[in-house]
Amino acid sequence: METFPTTLDSVRLIKPPTIFEDFRGHYVETFNERLYREAGIDQHFIQDDISVSRQHVLRGIHGDDKTWKLISCLQGSFYMVVINNDPQSSQYRKWTSFTLSETNRLQVLVPPKFGNGHVVMSEQAIFHYKQTTDYDRSGQFTLVWNDPALNIWWPVQSPIVSERDQGR
């Protein structure tokens, strides 16, 4: 297992502990509490969720002030953005991006007060995340994906976006 710092404090890129491929297919160990703890990731995850989306669907940017998320791509690929939404931070409104896919098997650890969003690049993608709190939509913030003040680069100019994610 390898972890890598990113340009945003507390956001980490992770290569899972076991990735194996042979003539039968693939095997990936997506989480092992002991190994993650040894790597300094000691959050207690209590819920797993997935979203399945088709090409060019953009979901997010959502977050809250209490939840850690461990995000991975189970199928397909997506471009993901993580943004610091903590007004007390020197990195407030700074963002970074990653491409997660079923072939690179990378994961991103997203801390509280950070938002994340993704756009599907493949025909379909399965977005998976573990989280440290129960899902609570009413406690979330939403940042508009194309807010000019954020100046986020997206690889798709006209994504498929929900009303919530359009800021309505």
N, C-alpha and C. Protein backbone atom coordinates (compact mmCIF):
# COMPACT_ATOMS: atom_id res chain seq x y z
N MET A 1 0.84 -1.18 0.00
CA MET A 1 0.00 0.00 0.00
C MET A 1 0.88 1.24 0.00
N GLU A 2 0.52 2.18 -0.83
CA GLU A 2 1.26 3.43 -0.90
C GLU A 2 0.27 4.58 -0.75
N THR A 3 0.70 5.65 -0.06
CA THR A 3 -0.09 6.87 0.02
C THR A 3 0.78 8.03 -0.45
N PHE A 4 0.14 9.00 -1.06
CA PHE A 4 0.86 10.14 -1.62
C PHE A 4 0.19 11.43 -1.19
N PRO A 5 0.97 12.43 -0.77
CA PRO A 5 0.37 13.73 -0.45
C PRO A 5 -0.12 14.39 -1.74
N THR A 6 -1.03 15.33 -1.59
CA THR A 6 -1.51 16.08 -2.74
C THR A 6 -1.28 17.56 -2.46
N THR A 7 -1.70 18.41 -3.37
CA THR A 7 -1.51 19.85 -3.19
C THR A 7 -2.41 20.42 -2.10
N LEU A 8 -3.42 19.66 -1.67
CA LEU A 8 -4.31 20.11 -0.61
C LEU A 8 -3.99 19.36 0.68
N ASP A 9 -3.80 20.10 1.76
CA ASP A 9 -3.52 19.49 3.06
C ASP A 9 -4.61 18.49 3.42
N SER A 10 -4.22 17.35 3.93
CA SER A 10 -5.12 16.29 4.42
C SER A 10 -5.77 15.45 3.33
N VAL A 11 -5.69 15.85 2.07
CA VAL A 11 -6.20 15.03 0.98
C VAL A 11 -5.06 14.12 0.54
N ARG A 12 -5.34 12.81 0.47
CA ARG A 12 -4.30 11.85 0.11
C ARG A 12 -4.74 10.97 -1.04
N LEU A 13 -3.79 10.66 -1.89
CA LEU A 13 -3.99 9.72 -2.98
C LEU A 13 -3.44 8.38 -2.51
N ILE A 14 -4.17 7.32 -2.73
CA ILE A 14 -3.83 6.01 -2.17
C ILE A 14 -3.82 4.94 -3.25
N LYS A 15 -2.77 4.13 -3.23
CA LYS A 15 -2.74 2.92 -4.05
C LYS A 15 -3.08 1.77 -3.10
N PRO A 16 -4.19 1.08 -3.32
CA PRO A 16 -4.63 0.04 -2.39
C PRO A 16 -3.57 -1.03 -2.13
N PRO A 17 -3.71 -1.76 -1.01
CA PRO A 17 -2.68 -2.72 -0.59
C PRO A 17 -2.46 -3.88 -1.55
N THR A 18 -3.52 -4.38 -2.17
CA THR A 18 -3.37 -5.53 -3.06
C THR A 18 -4.10 -5.28 -4.36
N ILE A 19 -3.36 -5.34 -5.44
CA ILE A 19 -3.93 -5.29 -6.79
C ILE A 19 -3.30 -6.45 -7.54
N PHE A 20 -4.12 -7.38 -7.99
CA PHE A 20 -3.61 -8.58 -8.65
C PHE A 20 -4.38 -8.82 -9.93
N GLU A 21 -3.67 -9.17 -10.98
CA GLU A 21 -4.30 -9.47 -12.26
C GLU A 21 -3.64 -10.69 -12.86
N ASP A 22 -4.45 -11.59 -13.40
CA ASP A 22 -3.93 -12.72 -14.16
C ASP A 22 -4.94 -13.07 -15.24
N PHE A 23 -4.79 -14.23 -15.86
CA PHE A 23 -5.63 -14.61 -16.98
C PHE A 23 -7.10 -14.74 -16.59
N ARG A 24 -7.41 -14.86 -15.30
CA ARG A 24 -8.79 -15.00 -14.84
C ARG A 24 -9.49 -13.66 -14.65
N GLY A 25 -8.71 -12.60 -14.45
CA GLY A 25 -9.29 -11.29 -14.20
C GLY A 25 -8.49 -10.52 -13.16
N HIS A 26 -9.19 -9.76 -12.32
CA HIS A 26 -8.56 -8.86 -11.36
C HIS A 26 -9.02 -9.17 -9.94
N TYR A 27 -8.14 -8.86 -8.99
CA TYR A 27 -8.47 -8.91 -7.57
C TYR A 27 -7.90 -7.65 -6.96
N VAL A 28 -8.74 -6.91 -6.22
CA VAL A 28 -8.29 -5.68 -5.57
C VAL A 28 -8.79 -5.68 -4.13
N GLU A 29 -7.89 -5.46 -3.21
CA GLU A 29 -8.25 -5.27 -1.80
C GLU A 29 -8.48 -3.77 -1.63
N THR A 30 -9.73 -3.36 -1.52
CA THR A 30 -10.04 -1.93 -1.50
C THR A 30 -9.92 -1.31 -0.11
N PHE A 31 -9.92 -2.13 0.94
CA PHE A 31 -9.77 -1.58 2.28
C PHE A 31 -9.36 -2.69 3.23
N ASN A 32 -8.41 -2.37 4.10
CA ASN A 32 -7.98 -3.25 5.17
C ASN A 32 -7.67 -2.34 6.35
N GLU A 33 -8.51 -2.39 7.37
CA GLU A 33 -8.40 -1.43 8.47
C GLU A 33 -7.00 -1.39 9.07
N ARG A 34 -6.39 -2.54 9.30
CA ARG A 34 -5.05 -2.58 9.91
C ARG A 34 -4.02 -1.91 9.01
N LEU A 35 -4.01 -2.23 7.73
CA LEU A 35 -3.02 -1.65 6.82
C LEU A 35 -3.22 -0.15 6.63
N TYR A 36 -4.47 0.28 6.55
CA TYR A 36 -4.74 1.70 6.41
C TYR A 36 -4.32 2.45 7.68
N ARG A 37 -4.61 1.86 8.83
CA ARG A 37 -4.21 2.46 10.10
C ARG A 37 -2.68 2.61 10.16
N GLU A 38 -1.97 1.56 9.75
CA GLU A 38 -0.49 1.60 9.74
C GLU A 38 0.02 2.69 8.81
N ALA A 39 -0.76 3.03 7.78
CA ALA A 39 -0.38 4.09 6.84
C ALA A 39 -0.84 5.47 7.33
N GLY A 40 -1.40 5.53 8.54
CA GLY A 40 -1.82 6.82 9.09
C GLY A 40 -3.25 7.20 8.79
N ILE A 41 -4.01 6.30 8.20
CA ILE A 41 -5.42 6.57 7.89
C ILE A 41 -6.24 5.82 8.92
N ASP A 42 -6.58 6.53 10.00
CA ASP A 42 -7.21 5.85 11.12
C ASP A 42 -8.67 6.24 11.32
N GLN A 43 -9.29 6.77 10.28
CA GLN A 43 -10.70 7.10 10.36
C GLN A 43 -11.53 5.81 10.47
N HIS A 44 -12.62 5.89 11.20
CA HIS A 44 -13.51 4.75 11.36
C HIS A 44 -14.67 4.90 10.37
N PHE A 45 -14.64 4.11 9.32
CA PHE A 45 -15.68 4.19 8.29
C PHE A 45 -16.88 3.35 8.71
N ILE A 46 -18.09 3.93 8.57
CA ILE A 46 -19.29 3.23 9.02
C ILE A 46 -20.31 2.97 7.92
N GLN A 47 -20.11 3.54 6.74
CA GLN A 47 -21.11 3.37 5.68
C GLN A 47 -20.40 3.34 4.33
N ASP A 48 -20.88 2.49 3.44
CA ASP A 48 -20.39 2.43 2.06
C ASP A 48 -21.53 2.78 1.13
N ASP A 49 -21.23 3.54 0.08
CA ASP A 49 -22.23 3.93 -0.90
C ASP A 49 -21.62 3.86 -2.29
N ILE A 50 -22.49 3.68 -3.29
CA ILE A 50 -22.05 3.77 -4.67
C ILE A 50 -23.04 4.64 -5.45
N SER A 51 -22.55 5.22 -6.53
CA SER A 51 -23.44 5.83 -7.50
C SER A 51 -23.01 5.31 -8.86
N VAL A 52 -23.99 5.03 -9.68
CA VAL A 52 -23.74 4.55 -11.04
C VAL A 52 -24.24 5.63 -11.98
N SER A 53 -23.37 6.07 -12.87
CA SER A 53 -23.73 7.15 -13.78
C SER A 53 -23.22 6.86 -15.17
N ARG A 54 -23.87 7.49 -16.15
CA ARG A 54 -23.45 7.31 -17.54
C ARG A 54 -22.49 8.43 -17.95
N GLN A 55 -21.93 8.28 -19.10
CA GLN A 55 -20.93 9.22 -19.61
C GLN A 55 -21.43 10.66 -19.56
N HIS A 56 -20.56 11.55 -19.11
CA HIS A 56 -20.75 12.99 -19.03
C HIS A 56 -21.69 13.45 -17.92
N VAL A 57 -22.14 12.53 -17.06
CA VAL A 57 -22.89 12.95 -15.88
C VAL A 57 -21.89 13.55 -14.89
N LEU A 58 -22.22 14.71 -14.37
CA LEU A 58 -21.40 15.37 -13.35
C LEU A 58 -22.19 15.37 -12.05
N ARG A 59 -21.57 14.83 -11.00
CA ARG A 59 -22.20 14.81 -9.67
C ARG A 59 -21.34 15.64 -8.72
N GLY A 60 -22.01 16.48 -7.92
CA GLY A 60 -21.30 17.29 -6.94
C GLY A 60 -21.17 18.71 -7.45
N ILE A 61 -20.62 19.49 -6.63
CA ILE A 61 -19.58 19.32 -5.63
C ILE A 61 -20.26 19.40 -4.24
N HIS A 62 -20.14 18.30 -3.46
CA HIS A 62 -20.79 18.22 -2.16
C HIS A 62 -19.79 17.90 -1.06
N GLY A 63 -20.15 18.28 0.16
CA GLY A 63 -19.35 17.94 1.33
C GLY A 63 -20.09 18.39 2.58
N ASP A 64 -19.46 18.16 3.72
CA ASP A 64 -20.00 18.65 4.98
C ASP A 64 -18.85 18.91 5.95
N ASP A 65 -19.17 19.27 7.17
CA ASP A 65 -18.11 19.65 8.11
C ASP A 65 -17.67 18.52 9.04
N LYS A 66 -18.13 17.28 8.79
CA LYS A 66 -17.79 16.20 9.72
C LYS A 66 -17.36 14.88 9.08
N THR A 67 -17.59 14.70 7.79
CA THR A 67 -17.40 13.39 7.17
C THR A 67 -16.08 13.25 6.41
N TRP A 68 -15.36 12.17 6.72
CA TRP A 68 -14.23 11.73 5.90
C TRP A 68 -14.78 10.76 4.86
N LYS A 69 -14.23 10.81 3.63
CA LYS A 69 -14.64 9.88 2.57
C LYS A 69 -13.40 9.24 1.96
N LEU A 70 -13.51 7.97 1.66
CA LEU A 70 -12.49 7.23 0.92
C LEU A 70 -13.14 6.83 -0.40
N ILE A 71 -12.69 7.45 -1.49
CA ILE A 71 -13.37 7.35 -2.78
C ILE A 71 -12.56 6.51 -3.76
N SER A 72 -13.27 5.65 -4.51
CA SER A 72 -12.61 4.85 -5.54
C SER A 72 -13.57 4.64 -6.71
N CYS A 73 -13.03 4.15 -7.80
CA CYS A 73 -13.81 3.84 -8.99
C CYS A 73 -13.83 2.32 -9.16
N LEU A 74 -15.01 1.74 -9.12
CA LEU A 74 -15.13 0.29 -9.26
C LEU A 74 -15.21 -0.15 -10.71
N GLN A 75 -15.80 0.70 -11.55
CA GLN A 75 -15.93 0.38 -12.97
C GLN A 75 -15.87 1.67 -13.77
N GLY A 76 -15.21 1.61 -14.93
CA GLY A 76 -15.14 2.78 -15.80
C GLY A 76 -14.08 3.76 -15.34
N SER A 77 -14.33 5.04 -15.59
CA SER A 77 -13.40 6.08 -15.16
C SER A 77 -14.15 7.39 -14.97
N PHE A 78 -13.62 8.20 -14.07
CA PHE A 78 -14.17 9.53 -13.87
C PHE A 78 -13.06 10.50 -13.48
N TYR A 79 -13.30 11.74 -13.81
CA TYR A 79 -12.44 12.86 -13.43
C TYR A 79 -13.05 13.44 -12.18
N MET A 80 -12.24 13.58 -11.14
CA MET A 80 -12.73 13.99 -9.83
C MET A 80 -12.04 15.26 -9.36
N VAL A 81 -12.81 16.14 -8.75
CA VAL A 81 -12.30 17.38 -8.19
C VAL A 81 -12.55 17.37 -6.69
N VAL A 82 -11.54 17.81 -5.93
CA VAL A 82 -11.68 18.00 -4.48
C VAL A 82 -11.34 19.46 -4.19
N ILE A 83 -12.21 20.12 -3.41
CA ILE A 83 -12.00 21.54 -3.13
C ILE A 83 -12.11 21.80 -1.62
N ASN A 84 -11.20 22.61 -1.13
CA ASN A 84 -11.20 22.99 0.28
C ASN A 84 -12.28 24.05 0.49
N ASN A 85 -13.23 23.76 1.37
CA ASN A 85 -14.32 24.71 1.63
C ASN A 85 -14.32 25.19 3.09
N ASP A 86 -13.13 25.18 3.70
CA ASP A 86 -12.98 25.63 5.08
C ASP A 86 -12.51 27.08 5.07
N PRO A 87 -13.38 28.06 5.44
CA PRO A 87 -12.99 29.46 5.38
C PRO A 87 -11.84 29.81 6.32
N GLN A 88 -11.55 28.95 7.30
CA GLN A 88 -10.44 29.19 8.23
C GLN A 88 -9.10 28.71 7.67
N SER A 89 -9.12 28.02 6.55
CA SER A 89 -7.90 27.46 5.97
C SER A 89 -7.21 28.43 5.01
N SER A 90 -5.89 28.37 4.99
CA SER A 90 -5.13 29.18 4.02
C SER A 90 -5.33 28.65 2.59
N GLN A 91 -5.88 27.45 2.46
CA GLN A 91 -6.14 26.87 1.14
C GLN A 91 -7.62 26.94 0.76
N TYR A 92 -8.37 27.81 1.44
CA TYR A 92 -9.80 27.96 1.17
C TYR A 92 -10.06 28.18 -0.32
N ARG A 93 -10.95 27.37 -0.85
CA ARG A 93 -11.40 27.40 -2.25
C ARG A 93 -10.32 26.98 -3.25
N LYS A 94 -9.23 26.41 -2.76
CA LYS A 94 -8.23 25.79 -3.66
C LYS A 94 -8.74 24.40 -4.00
N TRP A 95 -8.42 23.93 -5.20
CA TRP A 95 -8.90 22.62 -5.62
C TRP A 95 -7.78 21.83 -6.29
N THR A 96 -7.97 20.53 -6.36
CA THR A 96 -7.08 19.64 -7.09
C THR A 96 -7.95 18.60 -7.78
N SER A 97 -7.36 17.87 -8.72
CA SER A 97 -8.15 16.89 -9.47
C SER A 97 -7.39 15.59 -9.65
N PHE A 98 -8.15 14.55 -9.94
CA PHE A 98 -7.61 13.21 -10.11
C PHE A 98 -8.45 12.49 -11.17
N THR A 99 -7.85 11.52 -11.83
CA THR A 99 -8.61 10.59 -12.66
C THR A 99 -8.55 9.25 -11.96
N LEU A 100 -9.72 8.74 -11.59
CA LEU A 100 -9.82 7.42 -10.96
C LEU A 100 -10.46 6.47 -11.97
N SER A 101 -9.97 5.24 -11.99
CA SER A 101 -10.49 4.29 -12.96
C SER A 101 -10.37 2.85 -12.46
N GLU A 102 -11.04 1.97 -13.18
CA GLU A 102 -10.96 0.55 -12.86
C GLU A 102 -9.58 -0.01 -13.21
N THR A 103 -8.78 0.71 -13.95
CA THR A 103 -7.44 0.22 -14.29
C THR A 103 -6.37 0.77 -13.36
N ASN A 104 -6.46 2.04 -12.94
CA ASN A 104 -5.42 2.54 -12.03
C ASN A 104 -5.73 2.22 -10.57
N ARG A 105 -6.99 1.96 -10.24
CA ARG A 105 -7.42 1.53 -8.90
C ARG A 105 -7.04 2.49 -7.77
N LEU A 106 -6.73 3.73 -8.10
CA LEU A 106 -6.37 4.70 -7.07
C LEU A 106 -7.58 5.10 -6.24
N GLN A 107 -7.31 5.57 -5.03
CA GLN A 107 -8.34 6.05 -4.13
C GLN A 107 -7.95 7.45 -3.67
N VAL A 108 -8.95 8.22 -3.25
CA VAL A 108 -8.70 9.56 -2.71
C VAL A 108 -9.38 9.65 -1.34
N LEU A 109 -8.61 10.11 -0.36
CA LEU A 109 -9.13 10.36 0.98
C LEU A 109 -9.49 11.83 1.07
N VAL A 110 -10.77 12.11 1.33
CA VAL A 110 -11.28 13.48 1.38
C VAL A 110 -11.71 13.80 2.82
N PRO A 111 -11.13 14.83 3.42
CA PRO A 111 -11.47 15.19 4.81
C PRO A 111 -12.75 16.02 4.92
N PRO A 112 -13.25 16.18 6.15
CA PRO A 112 -14.37 17.09 6.36
C PRO A 112 -14.02 18.50 5.88
N LYS A 113 -15.03 19.27 5.55
CA LYS A 113 -14.92 20.65 5.07
C LYS A 113 -14.34 20.75 3.67
N PHE A 114 -14.23 19.60 3.00
CA PHE A 114 -13.81 19.56 1.60
C PHE A 114 -14.98 19.02 0.80
N GLY A 115 -15.17 19.58 -0.39
CA GLY A 115 -16.20 19.08 -1.29
C GLY A 115 -15.57 18.23 -2.37
N ASN A 116 -16.35 17.33 -2.92
CA ASN A 116 -15.87 16.54 -4.05
C ASN A 116 -16.98 16.41 -5.09
N GLY A 117 -16.55 16.36 -6.33
CA GLY A 117 -17.45 16.16 -7.45
C GLY A 117 -16.73 15.37 -8.51
N HIS A 118 -17.49 14.75 -9.40
CA HIS A 118 -16.85 13.98 -10.47
C HIS A 118 -17.71 13.99 -11.72
N VAL A 119 -17.04 13.82 -12.85
CA VAL A 119 -17.73 13.68 -14.13
C VAL A 119 -17.27 12.36 -14.75
N VAL A 120 -18.22 11.60 -15.26
CA VAL A 120 -17.94 10.28 -15.83
C VAL A 120 -17.35 10.42 -17.23
N MET A 121 -16.21 9.77 -17.43
CA MET A 121 -15.52 9.84 -18.72
C MET A 121 -15.77 8.60 -19.58
N SER A 122 -16.06 7.49 -18.98
CA SER A 122 -16.32 6.24 -19.71
C SER A 122 -17.82 6.15 -20.02
N GLU A 123 -18.21 5.09 -20.72
CA GLU A 123 -19.62 4.91 -21.05
C GLU A 123 -20.48 4.87 -19.79
N GLN A 124 -19.95 4.25 -18.75
CA GLN A 124 -20.61 4.19 -17.44
C GLN A 124 -19.52 4.08 -16.39
N ALA A 125 -19.79 4.54 -15.19
CA ALA A 125 -18.82 4.39 -14.10
C ALA A 125 -19.56 4.12 -12.80
N ILE A 126 -18.87 3.38 -11.93
CA ILE A 126 -19.38 3.13 -10.59
C ILE A 126 -18.44 3.83 -9.61
N PHE A 127 -18.98 4.83 -8.94
CA PHE A 127 -18.28 5.65 -7.96
C PHE A 127 -18.56 5.03 -6.59
N HIS A 128 -17.51 4.68 -5.85
CA HIS A 128 -17.67 4.04 -4.54
C HIS A 128 -17.04 4.92 -3.49
N TYR A 129 -17.72 5.05 -2.34
CA TYR A 129 -17.08 5.74 -1.23
C TYR A 129 -17.49 5.15 0.11
N LYS A 130 -16.50 5.12 0.98
CA LYS A 130 -16.71 4.79 2.38
C LYS A 130 -16.81 6.13 3.10
N GLN A 131 -17.62 6.21 4.15
CA GLN A 131 -17.70 7.46 4.88
C GLN A 131 -17.78 7.20 6.38
N THR A 132 -17.37 8.22 7.13
CA THR A 132 -17.26 8.08 8.59
C THR A 132 -18.53 8.48 9.33
N THR A 133 -19.55 8.95 8.63
CA THR A 133 -20.82 9.33 9.24
C THR A 133 -21.96 8.79 8.40
N ASP A 134 -23.15 8.76 8.98
CA ASP A 134 -24.33 8.41 8.20
C ASP A 134 -24.60 9.53 7.21
N TYR A 135 -25.10 9.16 6.04
CA TYR A 135 -25.43 10.16 5.02
C TYR A 135 -26.50 11.11 5.54
N ASP A 136 -26.26 12.40 5.40
CA ASP A 136 -27.19 13.43 5.86
C ASP A 136 -27.20 14.56 4.84
N ARG A 137 -28.06 14.45 3.85
CA ARG A 137 -28.11 15.46 2.79
C ARG A 137 -28.37 16.87 3.35
N SER A 138 -29.18 16.97 4.40
CA SER A 138 -29.52 18.28 4.95
C SER A 138 -28.32 18.99 5.56
N GLY A 139 -27.28 18.24 5.92
CA GLY A 139 -26.09 18.84 6.51
C GLY A 139 -24.99 19.15 5.50
N GLN A 140 -25.29 18.93 4.23
CA GLN A 140 -24.26 19.12 3.20
C GLN A 140 -24.28 20.52 2.60
N PHE A 141 -23.11 20.91 2.10
CA PHE A 141 -23.03 22.11 1.28
C PHE A 141 -22.87 21.66 -0.17
N THR A 142 -23.28 22.51 -1.08
CA THR A 142 -23.12 22.26 -2.51
C THR A 142 -22.45 23.48 -3.12
N LEU A 143 -21.37 23.24 -3.84
CA LEU A 143 -20.71 24.30 -4.61
C LEU A 143 -21.08 24.08 -6.07
N VAL A 144 -21.40 25.13 -6.77
CA VAL A 144 -21.79 25.01 -8.17
C VAL A 144 -20.55 24.66 -9.00
N TRP A 145 -20.66 23.60 -9.76
CA TRP A 145 -19.52 23.02 -10.49
C TRP A 145 -18.82 24.01 -11.42
N ASN A 146 -19.56 24.95 -11.99
CA ASN A 146 -18.97 25.89 -12.96
C ASN A 146 -18.92 27.32 -12.43
N ASP A 147 -18.89 27.49 -11.12
CA ASP A 147 -18.79 28.82 -10.51
C ASP A 147 -17.51 29.49 -11.00
N PRO A 148 -17.60 30.62 -11.69
CA PRO A 148 -16.40 31.26 -12.22
C PRO A 148 -15.39 31.66 -11.14
N ALA A 149 -15.86 31.91 -9.93
CA ALA A 149 -14.95 32.29 -8.84
C ALA A 149 -14.05 31.12 -8.44
N LEU A 150 -14.50 29.88 -8.69
CA LEU A 150 -13.69 28.70 -8.36
C LEU A 150 -12.71 28.36 -9.47
N ASN A 151 -13.06 28.71 -10.71
CA ASN A 151 -12.19 28.48 -11.87
C ASN A 151 -11.72 27.03 -11.98
N ILE A 152 -12.65 26.09 -11.82
CA ILE A 152 -12.33 24.67 -11.92
C ILE A 152 -12.32 24.25 -13.38
N TRP A 153 -11.28 23.52 -13.76
CA TRP A 153 -11.22 22.95 -15.12
C TRP A 153 -11.91 21.61 -15.12
N TRP A 154 -12.84 21.44 -16.06
CA TRP A 154 -13.52 20.17 -16.26
C TRP A 154 -13.27 19.70 -17.69
N PRO A 155 -13.10 18.40 -17.91
CA PRO A 155 -12.83 17.91 -19.27
C PRO A 155 -14.06 17.86 -20.17
N VAL A 156 -15.23 18.15 -19.62
CA VAL A 156 -16.48 18.14 -20.38
C VAL A 156 -17.10 19.53 -20.25
N GLN A 157 -17.43 20.15 -21.36
CA GLN A 157 -17.95 21.52 -21.34
C GLN A 157 -19.44 21.60 -21.03
N SER A 158 -20.21 20.58 -21.42
CA SER A 158 -21.66 20.60 -21.20
C SER A 158 -22.09 19.29 -20.54
N PRO A 159 -21.76 19.11 -19.28
CA PRO A 159 -22.11 17.86 -18.61
C PRO A 159 -23.61 17.76 -18.32
N ILE A 160 -24.03 16.56 -17.96
CA ILE A 160 -25.41 16.31 -17.52
C ILE A 160 -25.42 16.54 -16.01
N VAL A 161 -26.21 17.53 -15.56
CA VAL A 161 -26.13 17.98 -14.17
C VAL A 161 -27.54 18.07 -13.58
N SER A 162 -27.69 17.65 -12.32
CA SER A 162 -28.99 17.75 -11.63
C SER A 162 -29.29 19.21 -11.30
N GLU A 163 -30.55 19.48 -10.94
CA GLU A 163 -30.92 20.84 -10.53
C GLU A 163 -30.12 21.25 -9.30
N ARG A 164 -29.97 20.35 -8.34
CA ARG A 164 -29.21 20.66 -7.12
C ARG A 164 -27.79 21.11 -7.48
N ASP A 165 -27.15 20.39 -8.39
CA ASP A 165 -25.77 20.70 -8.74
C ASP A 165 -25.63 21.91 -9.65
N GLN A 166 -26.75 22.40 -10.17
CA GLN A 166 -26.74 23.64 -10.93
C GLN A 166 -26.95 24.85 -10.02
N GLY A 167 -27.16 24.58 -8.73
CA GLY A 167 -27.36 25.67 -7.78
C GLY A 167 -28.79 26.10 -7.64
N ARG A 168 -29.73 25.30 -8.10
CA ARG A 168 -31.16 25.64 -8.01
C ARG A 168 -31.80 25.03 -6.79
